[in-house]
Amino acid sequence: MVRMDFHIHSSYSDDSSLTVGEIVEFALQRRLQAVGIVDHVRMTAPWLAEREAEIRTLRARLGRRIDIFSGLEAKVLDSEGALNLSRGAAGSVDFVVGSIHGLPPNVLKGLQKSGPASLIGWWQDVISSLAQKEEVRVLGHPDRLLLDYEIRVPADTLADLTRVILSSHAFVEMNLPKAYATQPLLTTLIKTGARNIIFASDAHDMKGLRSAHEDVSAVCNRAVYAGNRRLRTVLAGKTSKKKHDPTISTSGP
C-alpha cells in the first residue's frame, strides 16, 4: 500500500467531481501520510485563492494527521516547455506539475507526414526542458503520449533522457500502476534505482481514485517509496517557509 498520492484533481478542475474535502477524507481513511491536490490551470485561475483558503483551513484543523499539499498541473505549449501558467499562480502553490496534454498543430502535422521519429524528438526535447525548469517540480505522466500513439522509443534516447532527469530536481509520476511495465521512461528509471519516482493517481473521480490505490503492486510500491518520502520532505519545507515568510503569496495570481 502506498502511503502518499501527489496528484488528485479536485472539483476546481473542470473535469473532476471530487471535492477537496472528499479527497482528504479518502486519504485519512486510507491512512495516507501526504496528499497532493492538483488542478488544471491556465494563464488565469480565478478559483485559486478560494481553493488555497480551503486547503489552509483543512491543514489547520487536521494538524499533523496528514500533510496536504497544493499543486497545479500546467500543460506544455511548445517544444521549449513553455507552460500555460502565470508566475503568480506558480508562486501561490507548493508545486507545479508540467504535463503534455495533446500535440501542438505543427507537431501533429509532422507526425502525420514523417511518422513516429518526429514525435520522439519533440517528446524528448519537451521532457528535457520540463525537467530543467525551475518552476516545475513534477513531470506529469511523461510516458502517456507514447502509449497513446503506440510509439517505441530507442534505448539510447531513453538513456539520454534518464540522465537529464536524474541530474535535475524533477520528480516523475507513476500513475498507471497496472501498466507501468509498458511505460518505457518509467521502467528505465526504475532499472537505475531512481529515487525520484512518486505515486500520483491523477484521479478525477472516486472510482478512479479507489482503483488506482487498489492497483499498486509490490514492485510499484518499492519504486515510489524513496521518491514519495523525498518529495514530502521538500514540500513540507516549502510549506513551512510560506507560513513564516510574508513575501510568499498565498492568495493566488
Protein backbone atom coordinates (compact mmCIF):
# COMPACT_ATOMS: atom_id res chain seq x y z
CA MET A 1 0.00 0.00 0.00
CA VAL A 2 1.36 3.41 -0.96
CA ARG A 3 1.22 6.00 1.80
CA MET A 4 1.16 9.11 -0.36
CA ASP A 5 -0.58 10.36 -3.51
CA PHE A 6 0.73 13.55 -5.09
CA HIS A 7 -1.76 14.11 -7.92
CA ILE A 8 -5.51 14.11 -7.28
CA HIS A 9 -7.81 16.54 -9.08
CA SER A 10 -10.49 18.36 -7.15
CA SER A 11 -13.71 19.92 -8.45
CA TYR A 12 -11.73 23.12 -9.04
CA SER A 13 -10.64 21.29 -12.20
CA ASP A 14 -13.40 21.36 -14.79
CA ASP A 15 -13.20 17.59 -15.34
CA SER A 16 -13.20 16.34 -11.73
CA SER A 17 -16.11 15.50 -9.43
CA LEU A 18 -14.07 15.25 -6.22
CA THR A 19 -14.31 17.99 -3.62
CA VAL A 20 -11.22 18.93 -1.63
CA GLY A 21 -12.94 17.57 1.48
CA GLU A 22 -13.68 14.22 -0.18
CA ILE A 23 -10.07 13.85 -1.25
CA VAL A 24 -8.79 14.48 2.24
CA GLU A 25 -11.39 12.17 3.79
CA PHE A 26 -10.33 9.38 1.39
CA ALA A 27 -6.69 9.99 2.30
CA LEU A 28 -7.48 9.78 6.01
CA GLN A 29 -9.45 6.56 5.55
CA ARG A 30 -6.53 5.05 3.62
CA ARG A 31 -4.15 6.31 6.30
CA LEU A 32 -2.10 8.26 3.77
CA GLN A 33 0.68 10.39 5.16
CA ALA A 34 0.53 13.00 2.41
CA VAL A 35 -1.78 14.05 -0.39
CA GLY A 36 -1.34 16.48 -3.27
CA ILE A 37 -4.42 18.33 -4.51
CA VAL A 38 -3.55 19.27 -8.08
CA ASP A 39 -5.82 21.10 -10.52
CA HIS A 40 -5.62 22.09 -14.17
CA VAL A 41 -4.55 25.68 -14.62
CA ARG A 42 -4.45 28.21 -17.44
CA MET A 43 -2.99 31.71 -17.55
CA THR A 44 -5.90 32.80 -15.38
CA ALA A 45 -7.14 30.83 -12.38
CA PRO A 46 -9.86 32.85 -10.62
CA TRP A 47 -10.66 29.92 -8.31
CA LEU A 48 -7.14 29.52 -6.96
CA ALA A 49 -7.39 31.80 -3.91
CA GLU A 50 -10.58 30.04 -2.81
CA ARG A 51 -9.01 26.59 -3.14
CA GLU A 52 -5.88 27.63 -1.25
CA ALA A 53 -8.01 29.02 1.58
CA GLU A 54 -9.91 25.72 1.76
CA ILE A 55 -6.66 23.77 1.93
CA ARG A 56 -5.25 26.03 4.66
CA THR A 57 -8.40 25.52 6.72
CA LEU A 58 -8.06 21.75 6.47
CA ARG A 59 -4.38 21.90 7.36
CA ALA A 60 -5.16 23.90 10.48
CA ARG A 61 -7.94 21.51 11.52
CA LEU A 62 -6.05 18.27 10.89
CA GLY A 63 -2.62 19.34 12.09
CA ARG A 64 -0.10 16.51 11.92
CA ARG A 65 -2.60 13.81 10.95
CA ILE A 66 -1.75 14.32 7.27
CA ASP A 67 0.27 16.62 5.03
CA ILE A 68 -1.93 18.37 2.45
CA PHE A 69 -0.04 19.94 -0.43
CA SER A 70 -1.42 22.24 -3.11
CA GLY A 71 -0.39 21.90 -6.73
CA LEU A 72 -1.21 22.96 -10.27
CA GLU A 73 -0.98 20.94 -13.46
CA ALA A 74 0.08 23.09 -16.39
CA LYS A 75 0.14 21.86 -19.96
CA VAL A 76 3.05 22.28 -22.36
CA LEU A 77 2.53 24.81 -25.14
CA ASP A 78 5.63 24.25 -27.29
CA SER A 79 8.87 22.30 -27.70
CA GLU A 80 10.68 24.69 -25.35
CA GLY A 81 8.49 23.50 -22.49
CA ALA A 82 6.60 26.79 -22.12
CA LEU A 83 3.65 26.27 -19.81
CA ASN A 84 0.11 27.61 -19.75
CA LEU A 85 0.81 29.07 -16.31
CA SER A 86 1.31 32.51 -14.82
CA ARG A 87 4.23 33.25 -12.49
CA GLY A 88 1.81 34.42 -9.83
CA ALA A 89 -0.09 31.16 -9.84
CA ALA A 90 3.11 29.11 -9.65
CA GLY A 91 4.23 31.09 -6.62
CA SER A 92 0.94 30.53 -4.82
CA VAL A 93 1.16 26.75 -4.54
CA ASP A 94 3.52 24.13 -3.16
CA PHE A 95 4.42 22.58 -6.50
CA VAL A 96 3.78 22.57 -10.24
CA VAL A 97 3.23 19.51 -12.43
CA GLY A 98 4.31 20.02 -16.03
CA SER A 99 2.42 17.75 -18.45
CA ILE A 100 1.96 17.07 -22.14
CA HIS A 101 -1.74 17.27 -22.98
CA GLY A 102 -2.14 16.80 -26.69
CA LEU A 103 0.11 17.86 -29.54
CA PRO A 104 0.64 21.34 -31.00
CA PRO A 105 -0.65 21.54 -34.61
CA ASN A 106 2.84 21.68 -36.14
CA VAL A 107 3.93 18.56 -34.23
CA LEU A 108 0.77 16.70 -35.21
CA LYS A 109 1.37 17.63 -38.85
CA GLY A 110 4.95 16.35 -38.60
CA LEU A 111 3.72 13.10 -37.12
CA GLN A 112 1.30 12.61 -39.99
CA LYS A 113 3.98 13.45 -42.56
CA SER A 114 7.14 11.89 -41.16
CA GLY A 115 5.92 9.25 -38.75
CA PRO A 116 6.91 8.44 -35.15
CA ALA A 117 10.50 9.69 -35.42
CA SER A 118 9.37 13.32 -35.47
CA LEU A 119 7.28 12.83 -32.35
CA ILE A 120 10.06 11.08 -30.42
CA GLY A 121 12.40 14.02 -30.93
CA TRP A 122 9.76 16.52 -29.85
CA TRP A 123 8.82 14.44 -26.79
CA GLN A 124 12.47 14.14 -25.73
CA ASP A 125 13.03 17.90 -26.07
CA VAL A 126 9.90 18.74 -24.08
CA ILE A 127 10.59 16.34 -21.20
CA SER A 128 14.20 17.56 -21.03
CA SER A 129 13.04 21.18 -20.92
CA LEU A 130 10.44 20.49 -18.24
CA ALA A 131 12.93 18.64 -16.04
CA GLN A 132 15.21 21.66 -16.03
CA LYS A 133 12.55 24.31 -15.43
CA GLU A 134 12.87 25.93 -12.02
CA GLU A 135 9.11 26.16 -11.51
CA VAL A 136 8.39 22.53 -12.42
CA ARG A 137 8.80 20.04 -9.58
CA VAL A 138 6.96 17.05 -11.10
CA LEU A 139 6.87 15.59 -14.62
CA GLY A 140 3.26 14.57 -15.20
CA HIS A 141 2.64 11.16 -16.84
CA PRO A 142 5.62 11.56 -19.22
CA ASP A 143 5.04 8.23 -20.97
CA ARG A 144 1.34 8.68 -21.70
CA LEU A 145 1.85 10.31 -25.10
CA LEU A 146 3.92 7.31 -26.20
CA LEU A 147 1.20 4.93 -25.08
CA ASP A 148 -1.49 6.95 -26.86
CA TYR A 149 0.37 6.79 -30.18
CA GLU A 150 1.91 3.32 -29.62
CA ILE A 151 5.41 4.61 -30.24
CA ARG A 152 8.59 2.71 -29.39
CA VAL A 153 11.49 4.84 -28.16
CA PRO A 154 15.11 3.82 -28.89
CA ALA A 155 17.09 2.70 -25.85
CA ASP A 156 19.75 5.39 -26.34
CA THR A 157 17.07 8.11 -26.31
CA LEU A 158 15.68 6.74 -23.05
CA ALA A 159 19.18 6.55 -21.55
CA ASP A 160 19.93 10.18 -22.52
CA LEU A 161 16.63 11.41 -21.10
CA THR A 162 17.11 9.42 -17.91
CA ARG A 163 20.48 11.11 -17.34
CA VAL A 164 18.88 14.54 -17.76
CA ILE A 165 16.10 13.75 -15.31
CA LEU A 166 18.40 12.22 -12.69
CA SER A 167 20.60 15.32 -12.77
CA SER A 168 17.62 17.64 -12.27
CA HIS A 169 15.38 18.44 -9.31
CA ALA A 170 12.33 16.92 -11.01
CA PHE A 171 10.26 14.01 -9.76
CA VAL A 172 8.49 11.62 -12.14
CA GLU A 173 4.94 10.36 -11.71
CA MET A 174 3.84 6.76 -11.64
CA ASN A 175 0.09 6.96 -12.19
CA LEU A 176 -0.76 3.86 -14.23
CA PRO A 177 0.47 1.21 -11.79
CA LYS A 178 -1.06 -1.73 -13.68
CA ALA A 179 0.61 -0.62 -16.91
CA TYR A 180 3.96 0.55 -15.52
CA ALA A 181 5.83 -2.13 -17.48
CA THR A 182 4.56 -0.64 -20.76
CA GLN A 183 5.95 2.82 -19.92
CA PRO A 184 9.49 2.98 -21.32
CA LEU A 185 10.82 6.03 -19.50
CA LEU A 186 9.40 4.92 -16.18
CA THR A 187 10.77 1.39 -16.47
CA THR A 188 14.18 2.77 -17.47
CA LEU A 189 14.22 4.96 -14.37
CA ILE A 190 13.16 2.04 -12.16
CA LYS A 191 16.03 -0.07 -13.51
CA THR A 192 18.52 2.62 -12.49
CA GLY A 193 17.18 2.57 -8.93
CA ALA A 194 15.99 6.15 -9.30
CA ARG A 195 14.90 7.86 -6.09
CA ASN A 196 12.71 10.47 -7.77
CA ILE A 197 9.66 8.38 -8.76
CA ILE A 198 6.44 9.26 -6.94
CA PHE A 199 2.96 7.81 -6.78
CA ALA A 200 0.39 10.08 -8.39
CA SER A 201 -3.02 8.62 -9.19
CA ASP A 202 -4.10 11.56 -11.39
CA ALA A 203 -7.63 10.65 -10.27
CA HIS A 204 -10.64 12.73 -11.30
CA ASP A 205 -13.39 10.82 -9.50
CA MET A 206 -13.79 8.49 -6.54
CA LYS A 207 -13.94 5.34 -8.67
CA GLY A 208 -10.63 6.19 -10.33
CA LEU A 209 -9.06 7.14 -7.01
CA ARG A 210 -10.03 3.88 -5.33
CA SER A 211 -8.98 1.85 -8.36
CA ALA A 212 -5.55 3.48 -8.56
CA HIS A 213 -4.79 2.68 -4.94
CA GLU A 214 -6.00 -0.90 -5.27
CA ASP A 215 -3.82 -1.50 -8.35
CA VAL A 216 -0.47 -0.77 -6.72
CA SER A 217 1.80 -3.82 -6.85
CA ALA A 218 4.77 -4.59 -4.63
CA VAL A 219 7.09 -3.58 -7.50
CA CYS A 220 5.38 -0.20 -7.83
CA ASN A 221 5.38 0.32 -4.09
CA ARG A 222 9.12 -0.24 -3.89
CA ALA A 223 9.74 2.03 -6.89
CA VAL A 224 7.96 5.02 -5.34
CA TYR A 225 8.97 4.56 -1.70
CA ALA A 226 12.09 6.76 -1.71
CA GLY A 227 10.67 9.37 -4.09
CA ASN A 228 7.50 9.80 -2.06
CA ARG A 229 9.48 10.41 1.11
CA ARG A 230 11.86 12.82 -0.62
CA LEU A 231 9.11 14.90 -2.24
CA ARG A 232 7.15 15.04 1.01
CA THR A 233 10.22 16.42 2.77
CA VAL A 234 10.83 19.01 0.05
CA LEU A 235 7.22 20.22 0.01
CA ALA A 236 6.88 20.22 3.78
CA GLY A 237 9.88 22.53 3.97
CA LYS A 238 8.37 24.85 1.36
CA THR A 239 5.00 24.90 3.16
CA SER A 240 6.71 25.75 6.44
CA LYS A 241 8.62 28.59 4.76
CA LYS A 242 5.37 30.03 3.38
CA LYS A 243 3.89 30.14 6.87
CA HIS A 244 6.77 32.28 8.12
CA ASP A 245 7.65 34.40 5.07
CA PRO A 246 5.11 37.18 4.37
CA THR A 247 6.64 37.87 0.94
CA ILE A 248 5.44 34.50 -0.40
CA SER A 249 2.00 34.79 -1.98
CA THR A 250 -0.81 32.53 -0.78
CA SER A 251 -3.67 34.47 -2.33
CA GLY A 252 -3.46 33.39 -5.95
CA PRO A 253 -2.32 35.12 -9.14
